C-alpha atoms as a PDB file:
ATOM      1  CA  UNK A   1       0.026   0.066   0.015  1.00  0.00           C
ATOM      2  CA  UNK A   2       1.252   3.568  -0.805  1.00  0.00           C
ATOM      3  CA  UNK A   3       0.069   7.132  -0.944  1.00  0.00           C
ATOM      4  CA  UNK A   4      -0.221   7.169  -4.773  1.00  0.00           C
ATOM      5  CA  UNK A   5      -0.756   3.871  -6.813  1.00  0.00           C
ATOM      6  CA  UNK A   6      -0.251   3.729 -10.666  1.00  0.00           C
ATOM      7  CA  UNK A   7      -3.340   1.874 -12.096  1.00  0.00           C
ATOM      8  CA  UNK A   8      -3.944   1.558 -15.820  1.00  0.00           C
ATOM      9  CA  UNK A   9      -1.893   4.323 -16.328  1.00  0.00           C
ATOM     10  CA  UNK A  10      -3.006   7.146 -14.582  1.00  0.00           C
ATOM     11  CA  UNK A  11      -2.700   8.372 -10.908  1.00  0.00           C
ATOM     12  CA  UNK A  12      -5.474   6.997  -8.443  1.00  0.00           C
ATOM     13  CA  UNK A  13      -4.838   9.947  -5.972  1.00  0.00           C
ATOM     14  CA  UNK A  14      -6.795  11.878  -8.831  1.00  0.00           C
ATOM     15  CA  UNK A  15      -9.992   9.850  -8.098  1.00  0.00           C
ATOM     16  CA  UNK A  16     -12.553  10.582  -5.641  1.00  0.00           C
ATOM     17  CA  UNK A  17     -15.502   7.885  -4.785  1.00  0.00           C
ATOM     18  CA  UNK A  18     -18.860   9.470  -5.009  1.00  0.00           C
ATOM     19  CA  UNK A  19     -21.921   8.279  -3.962  1.00  0.00           C
ATOM     20  CA  UNK A  20     -24.281   7.775  -6.145  1.00  0.00           C
ATOM     21  CA  UNK A  21     -28.300   8.494  -5.337  1.00  0.00           C
ATOM     22  CA  UNK A  22     -30.742   5.483  -6.696  1.00  0.00           C
ATOM     23  CA  UNK A  23     -27.992   3.498  -8.246  1.00  0.00           C
ATOM     24  CA  UNK A  24     -29.302   1.521 -11.585  1.00  0.00           C
ATOM     25  CA  UNK A  25     -26.203  -0.467 -11.861  1.00  0.00           C
ATOM     26  CA  UNK A  26     -24.075  -3.240  -9.798  1.00  0.00           C
ATOM     27  CA  UNK A  27     -21.045  -1.121 -10.652  1.00  0.00           C
ATOM     28  CA  UNK A  28     -23.140   1.941  -9.037  1.00  0.00           C
ATOM     29  CA  UNK A  29     -24.286   0.002  -5.980  1.00  0.00           C
ATOM     30  CA  UNK A  30     -20.559  -1.336  -5.318  1.00  0.00           C
ATOM     31  CA  UNK A  31     -19.570   2.194  -5.699  1.00  0.00           C
ATOM     32  CA  UNK A  32     -21.675   3.515  -2.868  1.00  0.00           C
ATOM     33  CA  UNK A  33     -20.357   0.884  -0.490  1.00  0.00           C
ATOM     34  CA  UNK A  34     -16.921   1.806  -1.406  1.00  0.00           C
ATOM     35  CA  UNK A  35     -17.768   5.774  -1.025  1.00  0.00           C
ATOM     36  CA  UNK A  36     -19.270   4.559   2.701  1.00  0.00           C
ATOM     37  CA  UNK A  37     -16.014   3.380   3.470  1.00  0.00           C
ATOM     38  CA  UNK A  38     -13.973   6.409   2.287  1.00  0.00           C
ATOM     39  CA  UNK A  39     -15.848   8.526   3.621  1.00  0.00           C
ATOM     40  CA  UNK A  40     -16.030   6.808   7.194  1.00  0.00           C
ATOM     41  CA  UNK A  41     -12.386   6.234   7.501  1.00  0.00           C
ATOM     42  CA  UNK A  42     -11.681   9.685   6.486  1.00  0.00           C
ATOM     43  CA  UNK A  43     -14.214  11.151   9.621  1.00  0.00           C
ATOM     44  CA  UNK A  44     -12.477   8.835  11.843  1.00  0.00           C
ATOM     45  CA  UNK A  45      -8.741   9.714  10.643  1.00  0.00           C
ATOM     46  CA  UNK A  46     -10.460  13.731  11.696  1.00  0.00           C
ATOM     47  CA  UNK A  47     -12.215  12.645  14.339  1.00  0.00           C
ATOM     48  CA  UNK A  48      -8.820  10.771  15.859  1.00  0.00           C
ATOM     49  CA  UNK A  49      -6.836  13.944  14.947  1.00  0.00           C
ATOM     50  CA  UNK A  50      -4.787  11.762  12.766  1.00  0.00           C
ATOM     51  CA  UNK A  51      -4.103  14.450  10.270  1.00  0.00           C
ATOM     52  CA  UNK A  52      -0.850  15.488  10.632  1.00  0.00           C
ATOM     53  CA  UNK A  53       0.185  17.051   6.989  1.00  0.00           C
ATOM     54  CA  UNK A  54      -2.842  14.612   6.104  1.00  0.00           C
ATOM     55  CA  UNK A  55      -0.758  11.898   4.203  1.00  0.00           C
ATOM     56  CA  UNK A  56      -2.869   9.163   5.965  1.00  0.00           C
ATOM     57  CA  UNK A  57      -6.410  11.052   4.906  1.00  0.00           C
ATOM     58  CA  UNK A  58      -5.104  11.628   1.410  1.00  0.00           C
ATOM     59  CA  UNK A  59      -3.971   7.990   0.823  1.00  0.00           C
ATOM     60  CA  UNK A  60      -7.448   6.432   1.507  1.00  0.00           C
ATOM     61  CA  UNK A  61      -9.095   5.215  -2.044  1.00  0.00           C
ATOM     62  CA  UNK A  62     -11.172   2.388  -2.733  1.00  0.00           C
ATOM     63  CA  UNK A  63     -12.028   2.269  -6.459  1.00  0.00           C
ATOM     64  CA  UNK A  64     -14.269  -0.424  -7.906  1.00  0.00           C
ATOM     65  CA  UNK A  65     -13.079  -1.918 -10.723  1.00  0.00           C
ATOM     66  CA  UNK A  66     -13.816  -4.606 -13.517  1.00  0.00           C
ATOM     67  CA  UNK A  67     -11.824  -8.000 -13.847  1.00  0.00           C
ATOM     68  CA  UNK A  68     -13.448  -9.631 -16.533  1.00  0.00           C
ATOM     69  CA  UNK A  69     -16.647 -11.142 -15.031  1.00  0.00           C
ATOM     70  CA  UNK A  70     -15.406 -10.190 -11.626  1.00  0.00           C
ATOM     71  CA  UNK A  71     -16.245  -6.761  -9.713  1.00  0.00           C
ATOM     72  CA  UNK A  72     -13.368  -5.475  -7.283  1.00  0.00           C
ATOM     73  CA  UNK A  73     -12.990  -3.469  -4.902  1.00  0.00           C
ATOM     74  CA  UNK A  74      -9.764  -2.485  -3.626  1.00  0.00           C
ATOM     75  CA  UNK A  75      -8.493  -0.518  -0.536  1.00  0.00           C
ATOM     76  CA  UNK A  76      -5.813   1.833  -0.478  1.00  0.00           C
ATOM     77  CA  UNK A  77      -4.109   2.958   2.729  1.00  0.00           C
ATOM     78  CA  UNK A  78      -0.870   4.322   3.603  1.00  0.00           C
ATOM     79  CA  UNK A  79       1.150   1.511   4.677  1.00  0.00           C
ATOM     80  CA  UNK A  80       1.652   2.337   8.218  1.00  0.00           C
ATOM     81  CA  UNK A  81      -2.372   2.800   8.735  1.00  0.00           C
ATOM     82  CA  UNK A  82      -2.513  -0.186  10.975  1.00  0.00           C
ATOM     83  CA  UNK A  83      -0.046   1.177  13.769  1.00  0.00           C
ATOM     84  CA  UNK A  84      -2.569   3.803  14.429  1.00  0.00           C
ATOM     85  CA  UNK A  85      -5.234   1.641  14.054  1.00  0.00           C
ATOM     86  CA  UNK A  86      -4.199  -1.018  16.927  1.00  0.00           C
ATOM     87  CA  UNK A  87      -1.443   0.842  18.278  1.00  0.00           C
ATOM     88  CA  UNK A  88       2.343   0.568  18.920  1.00  0.00           C
ATOM     89  CA  UNK A  89       3.296  -1.623  22.416  1.00  0.00           C
ATOM     90  CA  UNK A  90       6.190   0.174  24.080  1.00  0.00           C
ATOM     91  CA  UNK A  91       9.207  -0.751  25.687  1.00  0.00           C
ATOM     92  CA  UNK A  92       7.963   0.152  29.046  1.00  0.00           C
ATOM     93  CA  UNK A  93      10.694   0.103  31.999  1.00  0.00           C
ATOM     94  CA  UNK A  94      10.766   2.201  34.810  1.00  0.00           C
ATOM     95  CA  UNK A  95      11.313   6.071  35.056  1.00  0.00           C
ATOM     96  CA  UNK A  96      12.042   8.641  37.690  1.00  0.00           C
ATOM     97  CA  UNK A  97       9.027  10.127  39.694  1.00  0.00           C
ATOM     98  CA  UNK A  98       9.030  13.795  40.241  1.00  0.00           C
ATOM     99  CA  UNK A  99       7.538  17.011  42.502  1.00  0.00           C
ATOM    100  CA  UNK A 100       7.158  20.195  41.836  1.00  0.00           C
ATOM    101  CA  UNK A 101       8.449  21.989  44.607  1.00  0.00           C
ATOM    102  CA  UNK A 102       9.693  26.200  45.024  1.00  0.00           C
ATOM    103  CA  UNK A 103      12.637  27.415  45.792  1.00  0.00           C
ATOM    104  CA  UNK A 104      13.089  30.457  48.585  1.00  0.00           C
ATOM    105  CA  UNK A 105      12.755  32.907  45.477  1.00  0.00           C
ATOM    106  CA  UNK A 106       9.567  31.403  44.508  1.00  0.00           C
ATOM    107  CA  UNK A 107      10.662  29.500  41.534  1.00  0.00           C
ATOM    108  CA  UNK A 108       9.062  26.506  40.802  1.00  0.00           C
ATOM    109  CA  UNK A 109      10.702  23.671  39.582  1.00  0.00           C
ATOM    110  CA  UNK A 110      10.635  19.721  39.533  1.00  0.00           C
ATOM    111  CA  UNK A 111      13.260  17.602  41.039  1.00  0.00           C
ATOM    112  CA  UNK A 112      13.161  13.935  41.115  1.00  0.00           C
ATOM    113  CA  UNK A 113      11.108  12.671  44.739  1.00  0.00           C
ATOM    114  CA  UNK A 114      13.331  10.670  47.072  1.00  0.00           C
ATOM    115  CA  UNK A 115      12.466   7.865  49.772  1.00  0.00           C
ATOM    116  CA  UNK A 116      13.446   8.232  53.323  1.00  0.00           C
ATOM    117  CA  UNK A 117      16.735   6.929  52.317  1.00  0.00           C
ATOM    118  CA  UNK A 118      17.542   9.241  49.821  1.00  0.00           C
ATOM    119  CA  UNK A 119      16.994   6.704  46.881  1.00  0.00           C
ATOM    120  CA  UNK A 120      15.275   7.961  43.837  1.00  0.00           C
ATOM    121  CA  UNK A 121      11.920   6.688  43.565  1.00  0.00           C
ATOM    122  CA  UNK A 122      10.989   5.279  40.043  1.00  0.00           C
ATOM    123  CA  UNK A 123       7.487   4.546  38.586  1.00  0.00           C
ATOM    124  CA  UNK A 124       6.673   2.120  35.804  1.00  0.00           C
ATOM    125  CA  UNK A 125       5.533   3.462  32.456  1.00  0.00           C
ATOM    126  CA  UNK A 126       2.141   3.313  31.603  1.00  0.00           C
ATOM    127  CA  UNK A 127       2.072   1.031  27.740  1.00  0.00           C
ATOM    128  CA  UNK A 128      -0.753   2.301  25.690  1.00  0.00           C
ATOM    129  CA  UNK A 129      -1.280  -0.408  23.530  1.00  0.00           C
ATOM    130  CA  UNK A 130      -0.789  -3.810  26.016  1.00  0.00           C
ATOM    131  CA  UNK A 131      -2.897  -5.973  23.819  1.00  0.00           C
ATOM    132  CA  UNK A 132      -1.390  -4.781  20.023  1.00  0.00           C
ATOM    133  CA  UNK A 133       0.504  -7.371  17.649  1.00  0.00           C
ATOM    134  CA  UNK A 134       3.081  -4.818  16.881  1.00  0.00           C
ATOM    135  CA  UNK A 135       6.278  -3.432  19.407  1.00  0.00           C
ATOM    136  CA  UNK A 136       8.914  -1.318  19.374  1.00  0.00           C
ATOM    137  CA  UNK A 137      12.287  -2.758  19.940  1.00  0.00           C
ATOM    138  CA  UNK A 138      13.930   0.340  20.046  1.00  0.00           C
ATOM    139  CA  UNK A 139      10.972   2.910  19.579  1.00  0.00           C
ATOM    140  CA  UNK A 140      11.430   5.956  16.565  1.00  0.00           C
ATOM    141  CA  UNK A 141      14.180   7.552  15.027  1.00  0.00           C
ATOM    142  CA  UNK A 142      14.552  10.991  17.064  1.00  0.00           C
ATOM    143  CA  UNK A 143      14.391  12.364  12.778  1.00  0.00           C
ATOM    144  CA  UNK A 144      11.173  10.715  12.836  1.00  0.00           C
ATOM    145  CA  UNK A 145       9.387  12.865  15.063  1.00  0.00           C
ATOM    146  CA  UNK A 146      11.614  16.030  15.185  1.00  0.00           C
ATOM    147  CA  UNK A 147       9.185  18.161  12.861  1.00  0.00           C
ATOM    148  CA  UNK A 148       5.952  17.115  14.908  1.00  0.00           C
ATOM    149  CA  UNK A 149       7.445  18.426  18.111  1.00  0.00           C
ATOM    150  CA  UNK A 150       8.498  21.133  16.982  1.00  0.00           C
ATOM    151  CA  UNK A 151       5.304  21.900  16.090  1.00  0.00           C
ATOM    152  CA  UNK A 152       3.809  21.257  19.321  1.00  0.00           C
ATOM    153  CA  UNK A 153       6.852  23.165  20.622  1.00  0.00           C
ATOM    154  CA  UNK A 154       7.770  20.023  22.533  1.00  0.00           C
ATOM    155  CA  UNK A 155      11.826  18.843  22.927  1.00  0.00           C
ATOM    156  CA  UNK A 156      12.178  15.901  20.378  1.00  0.00           C
ATOM    157  CA  UNK A 157      14.158  13.365  22.021  1.00  0.00           C
ATOM    158  CA  UNK A 158      11.869  13.716  25.385  1.00  0.00           C
ATOM    159  CA  UNK A 159       8.859  12.879  22.722  1.00  0.00           C
ATOM    160  CA  UNK A 160      10.837  10.175  21.081  1.00  0.00           C
ATOM    161  CA  UNK A 161      11.739   8.365  24.457  1.00  0.00           C
ATOM    162  CA  UNK A 162       7.720   8.989  25.192  1.00  0.00           C
ATOM    163  CA  UNK A 163       7.059   7.196  22.286  1.00  0.00           C
ATOM    164  CA  UNK A 164       9.526   4.378  22.495  1.00  0.00           C
ATOM    165  CA  UNK A 165       8.192   3.618  26.597  1.00  0.00           C
ATOM    166  CA  UNK A 166       4.651   4.034  26.277  1.00  0.00           C
ATOM    167  CA  UNK A 167       4.029   3.501  22.533  1.00  0.00           C
ATOM    168  CA  UNK A 168       1.339   4.692  20.075  1.00  0.00           C
ATOM    169  CA  UNK A 169      -2.153   4.440  21.469  1.00  0.00           C
ATOM    170  CA  UNK A 170      -4.859   2.276  19.157  1.00  0.00           C
ATOM    171  CA  UNK A 171      -7.348   4.248  17.623  1.00  0.00           C
ATOM    172  CA  UNK A 172      -9.729   1.320  15.957  1.00  0.00           C
ATOM    173  CA  UNK A 173     -10.216   4.207  12.983  1.00  0.00           C
ATOM    174  CA  UNK A 174     -10.127   1.233  10.274  1.00  0.00           C
ATOM    175  CA  UNK A 175     -11.929  -1.885  12.750  1.00  0.00           C
ATOM    176  CA  UNK A 176     -14.682   0.733  13.492  1.00  0.00           C
ATOM    177  CA  UNK A 177     -15.321   1.587   9.823  1.00  0.00           C
ATOM    178  CA  UNK A 178     -15.380  -2.107   8.730  1.00  0.00           C
ATOM    179  CA  UNK A 179     -17.998  -2.793  11.103  1.00  0.00           C
ATOM    180  CA  UNK A 180     -19.730  -0.012  10.499  1.00  0.00           C
ATOM    181  CA  UNK A 181     -19.640  -0.116   6.883  1.00  0.00           C
ATOM    182  CA  UNK A 182     -19.974  -3.911   6.340  1.00  0.00           C
ATOM    183  CA  UNK A 183     -21.881  -4.959   9.568  1.00  0.00           C
ATOM    184  CA  UNK A 184     -24.505  -2.028   9.886  1.00  0.00           C
ATOM    185  CA  UNK A 185     -26.946   0.758   8.140  1.00  0.00           C
ATOM    186  CA  UNK A 186     -25.152   0.950   4.656  1.00  0.00           C
ATOM    187  CA  UNK A 187     -24.199  -2.849   4.567  1.00  0.00           C
ATOM    188  CA  UNK A 188     -28.177  -3.345   4.698  1.00  0.00           C
ATOM    189  CA  UNK A 189     -28.505  -0.129   2.179  1.00  0.00           C
ATOM    190  CA  UNK A 190     -26.292  -2.261  -0.101  1.00  0.00           C
ATOM    191  CA  UNK A 191     -27.803  -5.756   0.609  1.00  0.00           C
ATOM    192  CA  UNK A 192     -31.248  -3.931  -0.287  1.00  0.00           C
ATOM    193  CA  UNK A 193     -29.350  -2.359  -3.383  1.00  0.00           C
ATOM    194  CA  UNK A 194     -27.891  -5.485  -4.350  1.00  0.00           C
ATOM    195  CA  UNK A 195     -31.586  -6.978  -4.436  1.00  0.00           C
ATOM    196  CA  UNK A 196     -33.190  -4.018  -6.673  1.00  0.00           C
ATOM    197  CA  UNK A 197     -30.752  -3.799  -9.032  1.00  0.00           C
ATOM    198  CA  UNK A 198     -30.418  -7.366  -9.714  1.00  0.00           C
ATOM    199  CA  UNK A 199     -34.038  -7.739  -9.919  1.00  0.00           C
ATOM    200  CA  UNK A 200     -34.513  -4.901 -12.456  1.00  0.00           C
ATOM    201  CA  UNK A 201     -31.754  -6.978 -14.669  1.00  0.00           C
ATOM    202  CA  UNK A 202     -33.273 -10.257 -14.300  1.00  0.00           C
ATOM    203  CA  UNK A 203     -37.107  -8.460 -15.539  1.00  0.00           C
ATOM    204  CA  UNK A 204     -35.026  -6.683 -18.434  1.00  0.00           C
ATOM    205  CA  UNK A 205     -33.883 -10.077 -19.461  1.00  0.00           C
ATOM    206  CA  UNK A 206     -37.443 -11.774 -18.930  1.00  0.00           C
ATOM    207  CA  UNK A 207     -39.219  -8.876 -21.527  1.00  0.00           C
ATOM    208  CA  UNK A 208     -35.830  -9.556 -23.825  1.00  0.00           C
ATOM    209  CA  UNK A 209     -36.822 -13.052 -23.907  1.00  0.00           C
ATOM    210  CA  UNK A 210     -40.664 -12.565 -23.917  1.00  0.00           C
ATOM    211  CA  UNK A 211     -40.153 -10.028 -27.142  1.00  0.00           C
ATOM    212  CA  UNK A 212     -38.665 -12.910 -28.911  1.00  0.00           C
END
């Protein structure tokens, strides 16, 4: 999967799935279920805030094509989509506990908390995706988070370390859209349209036969 796919000599990124009212052909019916899936995914990506630079949203395409007597709808997404969908398990470990103290001059700052013996207290990093099939070995490279961290006014090394330790939170935007599109109201409409269009095709065929 990639951001742009060249199918039959044209740029797939220039296509857009548009829903058709009152579909008259099987192709239009399949186009509508594809349009529902694409719309759901794009709305979910926006809702979850996964829109930095917009590359994930822009990659979502689901063209419907005929291959001989077969009609195929192929869903294209940026190849990292499932890391955001199912999340990534962090490497965990221990970190220092901190407390906020006030100096004699009135300045507030954070310092490590210590026990009565002077030992720095530790706590475990919270793992965001403990059940994910994906897990960091070392975490992302600093260069991969630098631009995002700077856009948020954050230290890139602290961001990289936090992501490596805690992982990436699962959003399930893809799983939820699959459930909504292929098991919910949209799929019931799809099945109804299939019956209507198929019935109209059979009726038209019978009329042609009776004319002969």
